[in-house]
Amino acid sequence: MTELILLGTGGGPSPKRTRSAPAQAVVVGGRTYVIDCGNGVGRQLRLAGIGLHTIRAVAVTHHHSDHNADLGTLLHLSWCANLSTPVDVIGPKPLASMMDAFLAFAEVDIATRMADEGRPGLAPLIRTQEVDKPGIVFEDERVRITAATVRHPPMNAYAYRIDTDDRSIVISGDTAPCRSLVELARGADVLVHEVMMTSRIGAVLGAATNGRRLREHLIASHTDVGALGAIAAAAGVGTLVLSHFVPGDAGIGDAEWAAGVDADGSGFEGRVVVGRDLARV
């Protein structure tokens, strides 16, 4: 049985009061596959009852800090929690040099624990794979992960589809509406899609010294809630899950988010889930 856990559903780099940073876990047959590693992902996994030693693969959609801030930390803490099997680490360039830099950063702790606690090395457990084009990026006997390029300028960004024996789950990452995501999600059981309520982003921009430029980025690189129904309908997905909420701390209720999905009159007839941290879908 395949289970999807929303570990963190907030959007943007600053910590939120009501939502953790972006991360998802797909659990299949006692193995865990993590998509994105925002700040605090290790603790969110434990709050979800998932053992860090069960992680088999980690994929990051792109290198904005709300999606990769705890990538190295998750692997390090999993190693401290008795991870003993290799983990495939997948993401856009320069992933390999980033992982090398993290291992250098953690060298003192790693060396001390190897000598003092008898732990094996961490570096041999990390198998880095840089994604530079769409296609299958990971496969084992439980899952197949396929990447598609999405529209999140100026970043090199990907969405991922996780196919198992009983479910298909697509994680959009950050993206403006684009055909490649619709094609990746075609016929999927679940589409987890980022969401922005453009009419309410004043809550994000108000305190920002770079407000004008930030607004330009948000409009060009993200998806308004009113476009999600059409995207989900075009892909023919069964369930649309809203996540990576922008704004995330504006006091917008679930009913308002859900009502916005079909504001364009798309006629999406599937299930709409307003994501919450630690929700199981």
Protein backbone atom coordinates (compact mmCIF):
# COMPACT_ATOMS: atom_id res chain seq x y z
CA MET A 1 0.00 0.00 0.00
CA THR A 2 1.29 3.43 -0.99
CA GLU A 3 0.81 6.33 1.41
CA LEU A 4 1.44 10.04 0.79
CA ILE A 5 2.24 12.25 3.78
CA LEU A 6 2.37 16.03 3.45
CA LEU A 7 5.27 16.85 5.76
CA GLY A 8 5.25 20.60 5.12
CA THR A 9 2.79 22.76 3.18
CA GLY A 10 4.06 26.33 3.55
CA GLY A 11 5.59 28.27 0.67
CA GLY A 12 8.57 30.60 0.72
CA PRO A 13 11.82 30.69 2.69
CA SER A 14 10.72 32.43 5.88
CA PRO A 15 9.47 30.20 8.72
CA LYS A 16 5.68 30.13 9.11
CA ARG A 17 3.61 30.00 12.29
CA THR A 18 1.03 27.62 10.86
CA ARG A 19 2.83 25.54 8.24
CA SER A 20 6.18 23.81 7.93
CA ALA A 21 8.47 24.18 4.92
CA PRO A 22 7.77 22.19 1.74
CA ALA A 23 8.31 18.42 1.89
CA GLN A 24 6.43 15.24 1.04
CA ALA A 25 6.99 11.58 1.89
CA VAL A 26 5.78 8.61 -0.11
CA VAL A 27 5.92 5.40 1.93
CA VAL A 28 5.77 2.05 0.16
CA GLY A 29 6.35 -1.29 1.83
CA GLY A 30 8.30 0.16 4.72
CA ARG A 31 10.55 2.32 2.53
CA THR A 32 10.35 6.10 2.39
CA TYR A 33 10.86 8.35 -0.62
CA VAL A 34 11.11 12.06 0.20
CA ILE A 35 10.37 14.87 -2.26
CA ASP A 36 11.82 18.25 -1.20
CA CYS A 37 13.57 19.00 2.06
CA GLY A 38 12.51 22.29 3.57
CA ASN A 39 13.64 23.33 7.02
CA GLY A 40 12.56 20.88 9.74
CA VAL A 41 11.83 17.92 7.47
CA GLY A 42 13.56 15.44 9.81
CA ARG A 43 11.33 16.35 12.73
CA GLN A 44 8.24 16.29 10.52
CA LEU A 45 9.10 12.73 9.48
CA ARG A 46 9.33 11.70 13.12
CA LEU A 47 6.05 13.46 13.96
CA ALA A 48 4.51 11.43 11.13
CA GLY A 49 5.84 8.25 12.74
CA ILE A 50 8.34 7.57 9.97
CA GLY A 51 11.76 6.20 10.91
CA LEU A 52 14.62 8.14 9.34
CA HIS A 53 16.46 4.86 8.74
CA THR A 54 13.75 3.89 6.21
CA ILE A 55 14.67 6.60 3.69
CA ARG A 56 15.58 5.08 0.32
CA ALA A 57 15.62 8.12 -1.98
CA VAL A 58 15.38 11.90 -1.69
CA ALA A 59 14.55 14.16 -4.64
CA VAL A 60 14.58 17.96 -4.67
CA THR A 61 12.55 19.82 -7.27
CA HIS A 62 14.84 22.87 -7.42
CA HIS A 63 17.36 24.77 -5.35
CA HIS A 64 15.35 27.49 -3.68
CA SER A 65 16.12 27.27 0.03
CA ASP A 66 12.58 26.40 1.11
CA HIS A 67 12.97 23.19 -0.89
CA ASN A 68 16.54 22.16 -0.11
CA ALA A 69 17.57 23.83 3.17
CA ASP A 70 17.59 20.54 5.10
CA LEU A 71 18.71 18.17 2.36
CA GLY A 72 22.14 17.56 3.83
CA THR A 73 20.80 17.80 7.37
CA LEU A 74 18.15 15.14 6.70
CA LEU A 75 20.79 12.70 5.48
CA HIS A 76 23.10 13.52 8.39
CA LEU A 77 20.36 13.11 11.01
CA SER A 78 19.15 9.91 9.36
CA TRP A 79 22.70 8.57 9.62
CA CYS A 80 22.65 9.49 13.31
CA ALA A 81 19.35 7.56 13.54
CA ASN A 82 20.99 4.34 12.30
CA LEU A 83 20.58 4.72 8.56
CA SER A 84 22.75 1.96 7.17
CA THR A 85 21.56 1.55 3.57
CA PRO A 86 22.39 3.79 0.59
CA VAL A 87 20.15 6.73 -0.29
CA ASP A 88 19.77 7.99 -3.84
CA VAL A 89 19.83 11.80 -3.80
CA ILE A 90 18.30 13.33 -6.91
CA GLY A 91 18.01 16.90 -8.14
CA PRO A 92 19.20 19.56 -10.58
CA LYS A 93 22.79 20.75 -10.85
CA PRO A 94 24.88 21.66 -8.88
CA LEU A 95 23.59 18.93 -6.54
CA ALA A 96 26.88 17.00 -6.45
CA SER A 97 29.00 19.95 -5.37
CA MET A 98 26.34 20.96 -2.83
CA MET A 99 26.47 17.52 -1.22
CA ASP A 100 30.27 17.63 -1.18
CA ALA A 101 30.09 21.01 0.53
CA PHE A 102 27.68 19.70 3.15
CA LEU A 103 29.88 16.71 3.93
CA ALA A 104 32.80 19.11 4.40
CA PHE A 105 30.65 21.24 6.70
CA ALA A 106 29.69 18.18 8.78
CA GLU A 107 33.15 16.58 8.70
CA VAL A 108 33.99 17.19 12.38
CA ASP A 109 30.75 15.68 13.66
CA ILE A 110 30.90 12.75 11.26
CA ALA A 111 34.51 11.90 12.06
CA THR A 112 33.88 12.20 15.79
CA ARG A 113 30.86 9.91 15.72
CA MET A 114 32.67 7.36 13.57
CA ALA A 115 35.53 7.23 16.07
CA ASP A 116 33.54 7.68 19.28
CA GLU A 117 30.36 5.75 18.46
CA GLY A 118 31.58 3.21 15.93
CA ARG A 119 29.38 4.47 13.12
CA PRO A 120 30.16 3.70 9.46
CA GLY A 121 30.97 6.59 7.12
CA LEU A 122 28.15 8.76 5.80
CA ALA A 123 29.59 9.62 2.39
CA PRO A 124 29.42 6.02 1.04
CA LEU A 125 25.68 5.97 1.79
CA ILE A 126 24.94 9.01 -0.42
CA ARG A 127 24.47 8.28 -4.13
CA THR A 128 24.07 11.60 -5.92
CA GLN A 129 22.35 11.88 -9.29
CA GLU A 130 22.02 15.21 -11.07
CA VAL A 131 18.92 15.66 -13.22
CA ASP A 132 19.49 17.55 -16.45
CA LYS A 133 16.57 16.41 -18.62
CA PRO A 134 13.07 14.93 -18.33
CA GLY A 135 12.63 11.19 -17.95
CA ILE A 136 12.97 8.38 -15.43
CA VAL A 137 15.40 9.42 -12.69
CA PHE A 138 14.99 6.57 -10.20
CA GLU A 139 13.61 3.05 -10.15
CA ASP A 140 13.64 0.17 -7.72
CA GLU A 141 11.32 -2.77 -7.08
CA ARG A 142 8.78 -0.50 -5.33
CA VAL A 143 8.69 2.83 -7.19
CA ARG A 144 9.55 4.58 -10.42
CA ILE A 145 10.21 8.32 -10.30
CA THR A 146 9.90 10.35 -13.49
CA ALA A 147 10.91 14.00 -13.87
CA ALA A 148 9.46 16.73 -16.07
CA THR A 149 10.81 20.24 -16.55
CA VAL A 150 8.47 22.89 -15.18
CA ARG A 151 8.26 26.66 -15.44
CA HIS A 152 9.82 28.39 -12.45
CA PRO A 153 12.11 31.11 -13.78
CA PRO A 154 14.93 31.72 -13.28
CA MET A 155 15.43 28.30 -11.63
CA ASN A 156 16.09 24.98 -13.32
CA ALA A 157 13.09 23.18 -11.80
CA TYR A 158 11.41 19.78 -12.07
CA ALA A 159 8.17 18.09 -11.08
CA TYR A 160 8.25 14.41 -10.13
CA ARG A 161 5.81 11.55 -10.71
CA ILE A 162 6.02 8.57 -8.37
CA ASP A 163 4.44 5.39 -9.76
CA THR A 164 3.93 2.31 -7.56
CA ASP A 165 1.94 -0.88 -7.95
CA ASP A 166 -1.21 0.73 -6.55
CA ARG A 167 -0.92 4.52 -6.97
CA SER A 168 0.50 7.35 -9.04
CA ILE A 169 1.41 10.60 -7.29
CA VAL A 170 2.72 13.81 -8.89
CA ILE A 171 4.51 16.56 -6.97
CA SER A 172 4.56 19.82 -8.93
CA GLY A 173 7.31 21.60 -7.03
CA ASP A 174 7.22 25.32 -7.81
CA THR A 175 5.81 26.19 -11.21
CA ALA A 176 3.68 28.52 -13.24
CA PRO A 177 1.06 26.73 -15.37
CA CYS A 178 2.79 24.65 -18.05
CA ARG A 179 1.95 21.87 -20.48
CA SER A 180 4.81 19.64 -19.33
CA LEU A 181 3.28 19.26 -15.88
CA VAL A 182 -0.12 18.40 -17.33
CA GLU A 183 1.50 15.69 -19.44
CA LEU A 184 3.47 14.31 -16.48
CA ALA A 185 0.29 14.16 -14.36
CA ARG A 186 -1.86 12.61 -17.06
CA GLY A 187 -4.19 10.08 -15.41
CA ALA A 188 -2.45 10.26 -12.02
CA ASP A 189 -4.33 9.36 -8.86
CA VAL A 190 -3.01 12.39 -6.96
CA LEU A 191 -1.55 15.73 -8.02
CA VAL A 192 0.07 17.79 -5.25
CA HIS A 193 0.25 21.28 -6.72
CA GLU A 194 1.66 24.53 -5.37
CA VAL A 195 -0.90 27.27 -4.91
CA MET A 196 -0.92 31.05 -4.64
CA MET A 197 -3.82 33.40 -3.96
CA THR A 198 -2.64 36.36 -6.00
CA SER A 199 -5.30 38.67 -4.58
CA ARG A 200 -3.88 38.14 -1.10
CA ILE A 201 -0.12 38.32 -1.65
CA GLY A 202 -0.02 41.77 -0.12
CA ALA A 203 0.51 39.87 3.15
CA VAL A 204 3.81 38.61 1.70
CA LEU A 205 4.85 41.85 0.05
CA GLY A 206 3.94 44.29 2.80
CA ALA A 207 7.05 43.83 4.91
CA ALA A 208 9.42 43.12 2.02
CA THR A 209 12.05 45.68 1.06
CA ASN A 210 12.12 44.08 -2.41
CA GLY A 211 8.32 44.12 -2.79
CA ARG A 212 8.11 45.11 -6.47
CA ARG A 213 10.65 42.55 -7.66
CA LEU A 214 9.19 39.87 -5.41
CA ARG A 215 5.73 40.43 -6.84
CA GLU A 216 7.11 40.08 -10.37
CA HIS A 217 8.73 36.78 -9.40
CA LEU A 218 5.61 35.42 -7.73
CA ILE A 219 3.42 36.21 -10.73
CA ALA A 220 5.87 34.77 -13.26
CA SER A 221 6.89 31.65 -11.37
CA HIS A 222 3.86 30.37 -9.44
CA THR A 223 0.27 29.27 -10.05
CA ASP A 224 -2.81 31.15 -8.92
CA VAL A 225 -5.49 29.08 -7.22
CA GLY A 226 -7.94 30.01 -9.96
CA ALA A 227 -5.88 28.09 -12.55
CA LEU A 228 -5.67 24.81 -10.66
CA GLY A 229 -9.05 23.42 -11.68
CA ALA A 230 -8.17 23.68 -15.35
CA ILE A 231 -4.77 22.05 -14.78
CA ALA A 232 -6.25 19.14 -12.83
CA ALA A 233 -9.06 18.68 -15.35
CA ALA A 234 -6.66 18.72 -18.31
CA ALA A 235 -4.47 16.10 -16.64
CA GLY A 236 -7.44 13.96 -15.66
CA VAL A 237 -6.24 13.42 -12.10
CA GLY A 238 -8.44 11.88 -9.44
CA THR A 239 -7.41 14.07 -6.49
CA LEU A 240 -5.94 17.58 -6.45
CA VAL A 241 -4.01 18.46 -3.29
CA LEU A 242 -3.19 22.10 -2.62
CA SER A 243 0.18 22.74 -0.98
CA HIS A 244 3.06 25.25 -0.83
CA PHE A 245 0.55 27.94 0.15
CA VAL A 246 1.39 31.55 -0.71
CA PRO A 247 0.58 33.39 1.45
CA GLY A 248 0.91 30.75 4.14
CA ASP A 249 0.19 32.79 7.25
CA ALA A 250 -2.56 35.13 6.07
CA GLY A 251 -5.47 33.51 7.88
CA ILE A 252 -7.10 32.24 4.69
CA GLY A 253 -9.53 29.43 5.55
CA ASP A 254 -9.72 26.06 3.83
CA ALA A 255 -13.10 26.91 2.31
CA GLU A 256 -11.70 29.99 0.60
CA TRP A 257 -8.77 28.06 -0.86
CA ALA A 258 -11.06 25.26 -2.07
CA ALA A 259 -13.60 27.68 -3.56
CA GLY A 260 -10.86 29.39 -5.53
CA VAL A 261 -9.90 26.20 -7.38
CA ASP A 262 -12.88 26.30 -9.70
CA ALA A 263 -13.11 30.05 -10.03
CA ASP A 264 -12.27 29.68 -13.72
CA GLY A 265 -15.21 27.35 -14.29
CA SER A 266 -12.99 24.45 -15.36
CA GLY A 267 -15.48 21.87 -14.18
CA PHE A 268 -12.88 19.72 -12.42
CA GLU A 269 -14.92 16.87 -10.95
CA GLY A 270 -12.25 15.18 -8.86
CA ARG A 271 -11.57 15.50 -5.15
CA VAL A 272 -9.96 18.71 -3.87
CA VAL A 273 -7.86 18.50 -0.69
CA VAL A 274 -6.60 21.65 1.05
CA GLY A 275 -3.28 20.35 2.36
CA ARG A 276 -2.24 20.44 6.00
CA ASP A 277 1.05 19.50 7.61
CA LEU A 278 1.19 15.76 8.42
CA ALA A 279 -2.00 15.03 6.48
CA ARG A 280 -2.14 11.57 4.91
CA VAL A 281 -3.68 11.41 1.46
